[in-house]
Amino acid sequence: MANTTDRNQDKKEQSLVGQAGTAVHQAADSATTAVGSGMESLAGKVRDNLPREGMVGSAACAVASTLESGGQYLKEKTPGDMLEDVTNLLRKNPMTAVLIGLGVGFLVARMMKR
């Protein structure tokens, strides 16, 4: 009898954990979509408000294009897709990943001293 009660309790807990995981996934997906839309909107504002000629115009165009492509990426990909992309990038460039990790660790250590 006690085993049946324990199993029912375990099933309820698993169900709650699954529901919480789904809610977190949906919230993360909504957040990345919102950030992506914001980036695309900002790209449009950069294009509209900055000059198109000369060095400043070239830089503004490059910034706007980067914001726009980043925004599209965030809108189209799920958090799981992004994690997979990061994993693949780290596998292709392990030494770069180690150096970035060391750099971040150094900066965190410096900030902790203060």
C-alpha atoms as a PDB file:
ATOM      1  CA  MET A   1       0.000   0.000   0.000  1.00  0.00           C
ATOM      2  CA  ALA A   2       2.803   2.390   0.884  1.00  0.00           C
ATOM      3  CA  ASN A   3       4.546   1.604  -2.406  1.00  0.00           C
ATOM      4  CA  THR A   4       1.434   2.571  -4.361  1.00  0.00           C
ATOM      5  CA  THR A   5       1.195   5.874  -2.492  1.00  0.00           C
ATOM      6  CA  ASP A   6       4.894   6.568  -3.116  1.00  0.00           C
ATOM      7  CA  ARG A   7       4.503   5.788  -6.827  1.00  0.00           C
ATOM      8  CA  ASN A   8       1.503   8.090  -7.120  1.00  0.00           C
ATOM      9  CA  GLN A   9       3.427  10.847  -5.352  1.00  0.00           C
ATOM     10  CA  ASP A  10       6.394  10.311  -7.700  1.00  0.00           C
ATOM     11  CA  LYS A  11       4.118  10.519 -10.746  1.00  0.00           C
ATOM     12  CA  LYS A  12       2.591  13.756  -9.460  1.00  0.00           C
ATOM     13  CA  GLU A  13       6.037  15.241  -8.850  1.00  0.00           C
ATOM     14  CA  GLN A  14       7.227  14.195 -12.305  1.00  0.00           C
ATOM     15  CA  SER A  15       4.146  15.769 -13.823  1.00  0.00           C
ATOM     16  CA  LEU A  16       4.777  19.039 -11.974  1.00  0.00           C
ATOM     17  CA  VAL A  17       8.421  19.061 -13.027  1.00  0.00           C
ATOM     18  CA  GLY A  18       7.389  18.431 -16.637  1.00  0.00           C
ATOM     19  CA  GLN A  19       4.867  21.263 -16.527  1.00  0.00           C
ATOM     20  CA  ALA A  20       7.455  23.610 -15.017  1.00  0.00           C
ATOM     21  CA  GLY A  21       9.975  22.650 -17.698  1.00  0.00           C
ATOM     22  CA  THR A  22       7.438  23.313 -20.427  1.00  0.00           C
ATOM     23  CA  ALA A  23       6.571  26.694 -18.931  1.00  0.00           C
ATOM     24  CA  VAL A  24      10.253  27.673 -18.704  1.00  0.00           C
ATOM     25  CA  HIS A  25      10.849  26.575 -22.296  1.00  0.00           C
ATOM     26  CA  GLN A  26       7.870  28.590 -23.539  1.00  0.00           C
ATOM     27  CA  ALA A  27       8.981  31.655 -21.555  1.00  0.00           C
ATOM     28  CA  ALA A  28      12.522  31.410 -22.957  1.00  0.00           C
ATOM     29  CA  ASP A  29      11.178  31.016 -26.484  1.00  0.00           C
ATOM     30  CA  SER A  30       8.900  34.046 -26.047  1.00  0.00           C
ATOM     31  CA  ALA A  31      11.752  36.099 -24.601  1.00  0.00           C
ATOM     32  CA  THR A  32      14.130  35.314 -27.462  1.00  0.00           C
ATOM     33  CA  THR A  33      11.421  36.114 -30.004  1.00  0.00           C
ATOM     34  CA  ALA A  34      10.742  39.448 -28.292  1.00  0.00           C
ATOM     35  CA  VAL A  35      14.447  40.315 -28.187  1.00  0.00           C
ATOM     36  CA  GLY A  36      14.768  39.351 -31.856  1.00  0.00           C
ATOM     37  CA  SER A  37      11.872  41.624 -32.798  1.00  0.00           C
ATOM     38  CA  GLY A  38      13.426  44.442 -30.787  1.00  0.00           C
ATOM     39  CA  MET A  39      16.750  43.995 -32.553  1.00  0.00           C
ATOM     40  CA  GLU A  40      15.083  44.121 -35.950  1.00  0.00           C
ATOM     41  CA  SER A  41      13.201  47.258 -34.927  1.00  0.00           C
ATOM     42  CA  LEU A  42      16.430  48.867 -33.734  1.00  0.00           C
ATOM     43  CA  ALA A  43      18.071  47.989 -37.058  1.00  0.00           C
ATOM     44  CA  GLY A  44      15.311  49.869 -38.866  1.00  0.00           C
ATOM     45  CA  LYS A  45      15.788  52.902 -36.615  1.00  0.00           C
ATOM     46  CA  VAL A  46      19.536  52.875 -37.221  1.00  0.00           C
ATOM     47  CA  ARG A  47      18.961  52.773 -40.971  1.00  0.00           C
ATOM     48  CA  ASP A  48      16.379  55.572 -40.819  1.00  0.00           C
ATOM     49  CA  ASN A  49      18.238  57.959 -38.517  1.00  0.00           C
ATOM     50  CA  LEU A  50      21.909  57.664 -39.437  1.00  0.00           C
ATOM     51  CA  PRO A  51      23.555  58.867 -42.633  1.00  0.00           C
ATOM     52  CA  ARG A  52      23.994  56.442 -45.498  1.00  0.00           C
ATOM     53  CA  GLU A  53      27.071  58.092 -46.975  1.00  0.00           C
ATOM     54  CA  GLY A  54      30.709  58.029 -45.931  1.00  0.00           C
ATOM     55  CA  MET A  55      32.426  56.136 -43.160  1.00  0.00           C
ATOM     56  CA  VAL A  56      29.630  56.690 -40.622  1.00  0.00           C
ATOM     57  CA  GLY A  57      27.083  55.472 -43.163  1.00  0.00           C
ATOM     58  CA  SER A  58      29.086  52.315 -43.842  1.00  0.00           C
ATOM     59  CA  ALA A  59      29.416  51.611 -40.126  1.00  0.00           C
ATOM     60  CA  ALA A  60      25.703  52.294 -39.541  1.00  0.00           C
ATOM     61  CA  CYS A  61      24.761  49.964 -42.390  1.00  0.00           C
ATOM     62  CA  ALA A  62      26.996  47.207 -40.988  1.00  0.00           C
ATOM     63  CA  VAL A  63      25.526  47.626 -37.497  1.00  0.00           C
ATOM     64  CA  ALA A  64      21.981  47.595 -38.856  1.00  0.00           C
ATOM     65  CA  SER A  65      22.644  44.464 -40.922  1.00  0.00           C
ATOM     66  CA  THR A  66      24.177  42.687 -37.918  1.00  0.00           C
ATOM     67  CA  LEU A  67      21.253  43.644 -35.693  1.00  0.00           C
ATOM     68  CA  GLU A  68      18.793  42.499 -38.312  1.00  0.00           C
ATOM     69  CA  SER A  69      20.437  39.119 -38.892  1.00  0.00           C
ATOM     70  CA  GLY A  70      20.816  38.578 -35.141  1.00  0.00           C
ATOM     71  CA  GLY A  71      17.158  39.441 -34.648  1.00  0.00           C
ATOM     72  CA  GLN A  72      16.086  37.001 -37.339  1.00  0.00           C
ATOM     73  CA  TYR A  73      18.224  34.285 -35.769  1.00  0.00           C
ATOM     74  CA  LEU A  74      16.632  34.830 -32.346  1.00  0.00           C
ATOM     75  CA  LYS A  75      13.126  34.810 -33.810  1.00  0.00           C
ATOM     76  CA  GLU A  76      13.644  31.658 -35.857  1.00  0.00           C
ATOM     77  CA  LYS A  77      15.602  29.479 -33.421  1.00  0.00           C
ATOM     78  CA  THR A  78      14.451  27.830 -30.222  1.00  0.00           C
ATOM     79  CA  PRO A  79      16.686  27.824 -27.131  1.00  0.00           C
ATOM     80  CA  GLY A  80      17.452  24.159 -27.864  1.00  0.00           C
ATOM     81  CA  ASP A  81      18.586  25.048 -31.390  1.00  0.00           C
ATOM     82  CA  MET A  82      20.820  27.796 -29.991  1.00  0.00           C
ATOM     83  CA  LEU A  83      22.389  25.406 -27.480  1.00  0.00           C
ATOM     84  CA  GLU A  84      23.074  22.955 -30.297  1.00  0.00           C
ATOM     85  CA  ASP A  85      24.678  25.728 -32.385  1.00  0.00           C
ATOM     86  CA  VAL A  86      26.931  26.728 -29.473  1.00  0.00           C
ATOM     87  CA  THR A  87      27.867  23.089 -28.871  1.00  0.00           C
ATOM     88  CA  ASN A  88      28.799  22.632 -32.531  1.00  0.00           C
ATOM     89  CA  LEU A  89      30.821  25.850 -32.509  1.00  0.00           C
ATOM     90  CA  LEU A  90      32.746  24.740 -29.421  1.00  0.00           C
ATOM     91  CA  ARG A  91      33.446  21.342 -30.960  1.00  0.00           C
ATOM     92  CA  LYS A  92      34.819  22.966 -34.117  1.00  0.00           C
ATOM     93  CA  ASN A  93      36.948  25.493 -32.181  1.00  0.00           C
ATOM     94  CA  PRO A  94      38.008  23.912 -28.879  1.00  0.00           C
ATOM     95  CA  MET A  95      41.124  26.032 -28.384  1.00  0.00           C
ATOM     96  CA  THR A  96      39.180  29.247 -28.911  1.00  0.00           C
ATOM     97  CA  ALA A  97      36.620  28.044 -26.362  1.00  0.00           C
ATOM     98  CA  VAL A  98      39.366  27.358 -23.803  1.00  0.00           C
ATOM     99  CA  LEU A  99      40.936  30.787 -24.349  1.00  0.00           C
ATOM    100  CA  ILE A 100      37.564  32.533 -24.026  1.00  0.00           C
ATOM    101  CA  GLY A 101      36.885  30.564 -20.838  1.00  0.00           C
ATOM    102  CA  LEU A 102      40.252  31.602 -19.402  1.00  0.00           C
ATOM    103  CA  GLY A 103      39.596  35.222 -20.317  1.00  0.00           C
ATOM    104  CA  VAL A 104      36.144  35.217 -18.731  1.00  0.00           C
ATOM    105  CA  GLY A 105      37.553  33.516 -15.627  1.00  0.00           C
ATOM    106  CA  PHE A 106      40.278  36.145 -15.374  1.00  0.00           C
ATOM    107  CA  LEU A 107      37.753  38.981 -15.656  1.00  0.00           C
ATOM    108  CA  VAL A 108      35.457  37.418 -13.060  1.00  0.00           C
ATOM    109  CA  ALA A 109      38.402  36.959 -10.682  1.00  0.00           C
ATOM    110  CA  ARG A 110      39.386  40.621 -11.120  1.00  0.00           C
ATOM    111  CA  MET A 111      35.832  41.755 -10.443  1.00  0.00           C
ATOM    112  CA  MET A 112      35.632  39.596  -7.305  1.00  0.00           C
ATOM    113  CA  LYS A 113      38.767  41.256  -5.877  1.00  0.00           C
ATOM    114  CA  ARG A 114      37.113  44.662  -5.848  1.00  0.00           C
END
